[in-house]
């Protein structure tokens, strides 16, 4: 049986994937909520099972949120 944190992380990944399939104006509030929830899920995962599961989940999240993250970094640097 998988630990609770691993199941929550996998559920979070599925929720983000389903949210990404929604039309743009409708998915934005869900995407922001899931992005805000990510540090909690990742922290619980790292605390319970360590970096072996934490790094792949972090890489998956960075892959799914790459465009918003690039936009945010550009905005912070004053390029947008």
N, C-alpha and C. Protein backbone atom coordinates (compact mmCIF):
# COMPACT_ATOMS: atom_id res chain seq x y z
N UNK A 1 0.83 -1.18 0.00
CA UNK A 1 0.00 0.00 0.00
C UNK A 1 0.88 1.24 0.00
N UNK A 2 0.53 2.19 -0.81
CA UNK A 2 1.28 3.44 -0.89
C UNK A 2 0.98 4.32 0.32
N UNK A 3 1.99 5.08 0.76
CA UNK A 3 1.72 6.03 1.86
C UNK A 3 0.71 7.09 1.43
N UNK A 4 0.06 7.68 2.43
CA UNK A 4 -0.96 8.68 2.18
C UNK A 4 -0.43 9.85 1.36
N UNK A 5 0.78 10.30 1.66
CA UNK A 5 1.34 11.45 0.94
C UNK A 5 1.55 11.14 -0.54
N UNK A 6 1.94 9.93 -0.86
CA UNK A 6 2.13 9.54 -2.27
C UNK A 6 0.78 9.51 -2.99
N UNK A 7 -0.24 8.98 -2.33
CA UNK A 7 -1.57 8.96 -2.95
C UNK A 7 -2.10 10.38 -3.15
N UNK A 8 -1.86 11.27 -2.19
CA UNK A 8 -2.29 12.66 -2.34
C UNK A 8 -1.55 13.35 -3.48
N UNK A 9 -0.25 13.07 -3.61
CA UNK A 9 0.53 13.67 -4.69
C UNK A 9 0.04 13.17 -6.05
N UNK A 10 -0.24 11.90 -6.16
CA UNK A 10 -0.76 11.36 -7.42
C UNK A 10 -2.14 11.92 -7.73
N UNK A 11 -2.97 12.08 -6.71
CA UNK A 11 -4.28 12.70 -6.90
C UNK A 11 -4.14 14.16 -7.34
N UNK A 12 -3.16 14.87 -6.78
CA UNK A 12 -2.91 16.26 -7.17
C UNK A 12 -2.49 16.32 -8.65
N UNK A 13 -1.64 15.42 -9.07
CA UNK A 13 -1.19 15.39 -10.47
C UNK A 13 -2.38 15.11 -11.40
N UNK A 14 -3.23 14.18 -11.02
CA UNK A 14 -4.43 13.91 -11.83
C UNK A 14 -5.35 15.12 -11.88
N UNK A 15 -5.53 15.80 -10.74
CA UNK A 15 -6.39 16.99 -10.71
C UNK A 15 -5.84 18.10 -11.60
N UNK A 16 -4.53 18.29 -11.59
CA UNK A 16 -3.91 19.30 -12.45
C UNK A 16 -4.08 18.92 -13.91
N UNK A 17 -3.93 17.66 -14.23
CA UNK A 17 -4.08 17.21 -15.62
C UNK A 17 -5.51 17.42 -16.12
N UNK A 18 -6.49 17.11 -15.29
CA UNK A 18 -7.89 17.30 -15.68
C UNK A 18 -8.19 18.80 -15.81
N UNK A 19 -7.67 19.60 -14.89
CA UNK A 19 -7.87 21.04 -14.94
C UNK A 19 -7.27 21.63 -16.20
N UNK A 20 -6.14 21.13 -16.62
CA UNK A 20 -5.48 21.65 -17.82
C UNK A 20 -6.29 21.40 -19.08
N UNK A 21 -7.17 20.43 -19.06
CA UNK A 21 -7.99 20.13 -20.24
C UNK A 21 -9.22 21.04 -20.35
N UNK A 22 -9.47 21.83 -19.31
CA UNK A 22 -10.63 22.73 -19.34
C UNK A 22 -10.32 23.95 -20.20
N UNK A 23 -11.35 24.62 -20.74
CA UNK A 23 -11.12 25.85 -21.50
C UNK A 23 -10.46 26.91 -20.61
N UNK A 24 -9.68 27.81 -21.23
CA UNK A 24 -8.85 28.75 -20.46
C UNK A 24 -9.60 29.56 -19.42
N UNK A 25 -10.64 30.28 -19.75
CA UNK A 25 -11.21 31.13 -18.70
C UNK A 25 -11.75 30.36 -17.51
N UNK A 26 -12.17 29.11 -17.75
CA UNK A 26 -12.77 28.32 -16.67
C UNK A 26 -11.75 27.62 -15.81
N UNK A 27 -10.57 27.32 -16.33
CA UNK A 27 -9.62 26.53 -15.55
C UNK A 27 -8.72 27.37 -14.65
N UNK A 28 -8.68 28.68 -14.87
CA UNK A 28 -7.74 29.51 -14.14
C UNK A 28 -7.91 29.46 -12.61
N UNK A 29 -9.13 29.59 -12.05
CA UNK A 29 -9.24 29.54 -10.58
C UNK A 29 -8.81 28.18 -10.00
N UNK A 30 -9.13 27.11 -10.71
CA UNK A 30 -8.72 25.78 -10.25
C UNK A 30 -7.20 25.61 -10.31
N UNK A 31 -6.61 26.13 -11.38
CA UNK A 31 -5.15 26.04 -11.53
C UNK A 31 -4.44 26.82 -10.45
N UNK A 32 -4.94 27.99 -10.12
CA UNK A 32 -4.32 28.79 -9.07
C UNK A 32 -4.47 28.09 -7.71
N UNK A 33 -5.63 27.53 -7.45
CA UNK A 33 -5.84 26.81 -6.19
C UNK A 33 -4.92 25.59 -6.08
N UNK A 34 -4.78 24.86 -7.18
CA UNK A 34 -3.89 23.69 -7.16
C UNK A 34 -2.43 24.11 -7.03
N UNK A 35 -2.07 25.22 -7.63
CA UNK A 35 -0.70 25.73 -7.49
C UNK A 35 -0.43 26.15 -6.05
N UNK A 36 -1.40 26.76 -5.40
CA UNK A 36 -1.24 27.15 -3.99
C UNK A 36 -1.18 25.94 -3.07
N UNK A 37 -1.84 24.87 -3.45
CA UNK A 37 -1.84 23.65 -2.64
C UNK A 37 -0.56 22.84 -2.81
N UNK A 38 0.16 23.06 -3.89
CA UNK A 38 1.33 22.24 -4.19
C UNK A 38 2.40 22.24 -3.11
N UNK A 39 2.80 23.39 -2.53
CA UNK A 39 3.84 23.33 -1.48
C UNK A 39 3.44 22.46 -0.29
N UNK A 40 2.16 22.45 0.05
CA UNK A 40 1.69 21.62 1.16
C UNK A 40 1.83 20.14 0.80
N UNK A 41 1.39 19.79 -0.40
CA UNK A 41 1.48 18.39 -0.85
C UNK A 41 2.94 17.96 -0.93
N UNK A 42 3.79 18.81 -1.51
CA UNK A 42 5.21 18.47 -1.65
C UNK A 42 5.88 18.37 -0.28
N UNK A 43 5.58 19.29 0.61
CA UNK A 43 6.17 19.24 1.95
C UNK A 43 5.77 17.97 2.70
N UNK A 44 4.50 17.61 2.64
CA UNK A 44 4.03 16.39 3.29
C UNK A 44 4.69 15.16 2.67
N UNK A 45 4.83 15.17 1.36
CA UNK A 45 5.47 14.06 0.66
C UNK A 45 6.93 13.92 1.07
N UNK A 46 7.66 15.04 1.07
CA UNK A 46 9.07 15.00 1.46
C UNK A 46 9.23 14.59 2.91
N UNK A 47 8.34 15.03 3.78
CA UNK A 47 8.42 14.68 5.19
C UNK A 47 8.15 13.19 5.41
N UNK A 48 7.20 12.64 4.66
CA UNK A 48 6.80 11.26 4.90
C UNK A 48 7.68 10.23 4.19
N UNK A 49 8.05 10.48 2.93
CA UNK A 49 8.79 9.45 2.19
C UNK A 49 10.14 9.92 1.66
N UNK A 50 10.44 11.20 1.76
CA UNK A 50 11.77 11.67 1.37
C UNK A 50 11.85 12.08 -0.09
N UNK A 51 13.08 12.33 -0.51
CA UNK A 51 13.33 12.90 -1.84
C UNK A 51 13.09 11.92 -2.98
N UNK A 52 13.05 10.61 -2.70
CA UNK A 52 12.88 9.61 -3.76
C UNK A 52 11.56 9.83 -4.51
N UNK A 53 10.51 10.17 -3.79
CA UNK A 53 9.22 10.51 -4.42
C UNK A 53 9.09 12.01 -4.62
N UNK A 54 9.75 12.79 -3.78
CA UNK A 54 9.60 14.24 -3.84
C UNK A 54 10.15 14.87 -5.10
N UNK A 55 11.32 14.42 -5.54
CA UNK A 55 11.94 14.99 -6.75
C UNK A 55 11.11 14.73 -8.00
N UNK A 56 10.63 13.50 -8.25
CA UNK A 56 9.79 13.31 -9.44
C UNK A 56 8.50 14.12 -9.41
N UNK A 57 7.89 14.27 -8.24
CA UNK A 57 6.66 15.07 -8.15
C UNK A 57 6.99 16.54 -8.40
N UNK A 58 8.10 17.03 -7.87
CA UNK A 58 8.52 18.41 -8.12
C UNK A 58 8.77 18.63 -9.60
N UNK A 59 9.46 17.71 -10.25
CA UNK A 59 9.72 17.83 -11.68
C UNK A 59 8.42 17.78 -12.50
N UNK A 60 7.48 16.95 -12.08
CA UNK A 60 6.19 16.89 -12.78
C UNK A 60 5.44 18.21 -12.64
N UNK A 61 5.47 18.78 -11.45
CA UNK A 61 4.78 20.06 -11.23
C UNK A 61 5.44 21.17 -12.02
N UNK A 62 6.76 21.21 -12.04
CA UNK A 62 7.46 22.22 -12.82
C UNK A 62 7.17 22.07 -14.31
N UNK A 63 7.02 20.84 -14.76
CA UNK A 63 6.70 20.61 -16.16
C UNK A 63 5.29 21.10 -16.50
N UNK A 64 4.35 20.84 -15.59
CA UNK A 64 2.96 21.23 -15.86
C UNK A 64 2.75 22.74 -15.74
N UNK A 65 3.49 23.39 -14.87
CA UNK A 65 3.32 24.83 -14.65
C UNK A 65 4.46 25.64 -15.28
N UNK A 66 5.12 25.10 -16.31
CA UNK A 66 6.29 25.79 -16.86
C UNK A 66 5.94 27.13 -17.49
N UNK A 67 4.86 27.23 -18.22
CA UNK A 67 4.51 28.52 -18.84
C UNK A 67 4.13 29.58 -17.81
N UNK A 68 3.28 29.28 -16.83
CA UNK A 68 3.02 30.30 -15.81
C UNK A 68 4.26 30.68 -15.01
N UNK A 69 5.15 29.72 -14.76
CA UNK A 69 6.37 30.02 -14.02
C UNK A 69 7.30 30.91 -14.83
N UNK A 70 7.43 30.65 -16.13
CA UNK A 70 8.27 31.50 -16.98
C UNK A 70 7.69 32.91 -17.03
N UNK A 71 6.38 33.02 -17.16
CA UNK A 71 5.73 34.33 -17.17
C UNK A 71 5.97 35.06 -15.85
N UNK A 72 5.84 34.36 -14.74
CA UNK A 72 6.06 34.98 -13.44
C UNK A 72 7.48 35.47 -13.26
N UNK A 73 8.45 34.68 -13.71
CA UNK A 73 9.85 35.09 -13.60
C UNK A 73 10.11 36.31 -14.49
N UNK A 74 9.58 36.30 -15.71
CA UNK A 74 9.75 37.45 -16.60
C UNK A 74 9.10 38.70 -16.01
N UNK A 75 7.96 38.53 -15.42
CA UNK A 75 7.27 39.67 -14.82
C UNK A 75 8.05 40.23 -13.63
N UNK A 76 8.64 39.35 -12.82
CA UNK A 76 9.45 39.81 -11.70
C UNK A 76 10.69 40.55 -12.17
N UNK A 77 11.23 40.14 -13.31
CA UNK A 77 12.44 40.77 -13.84
C UNK A 77 12.11 42.02 -14.65
N UNK A 78 10.83 42.32 -14.83
CA UNK A 78 10.43 43.53 -15.54
C UNK A 78 10.46 43.41 -17.05
N UNK A 79 10.41 42.23 -17.58
CA UNK A 79 10.46 42.02 -19.03
C UNK A 79 9.08 41.93 -19.66
N UNK A 80 8.04 41.91 -18.85
CA UNK A 80 6.68 41.82 -19.40
C UNK A 80 5.91 43.06 -19.04
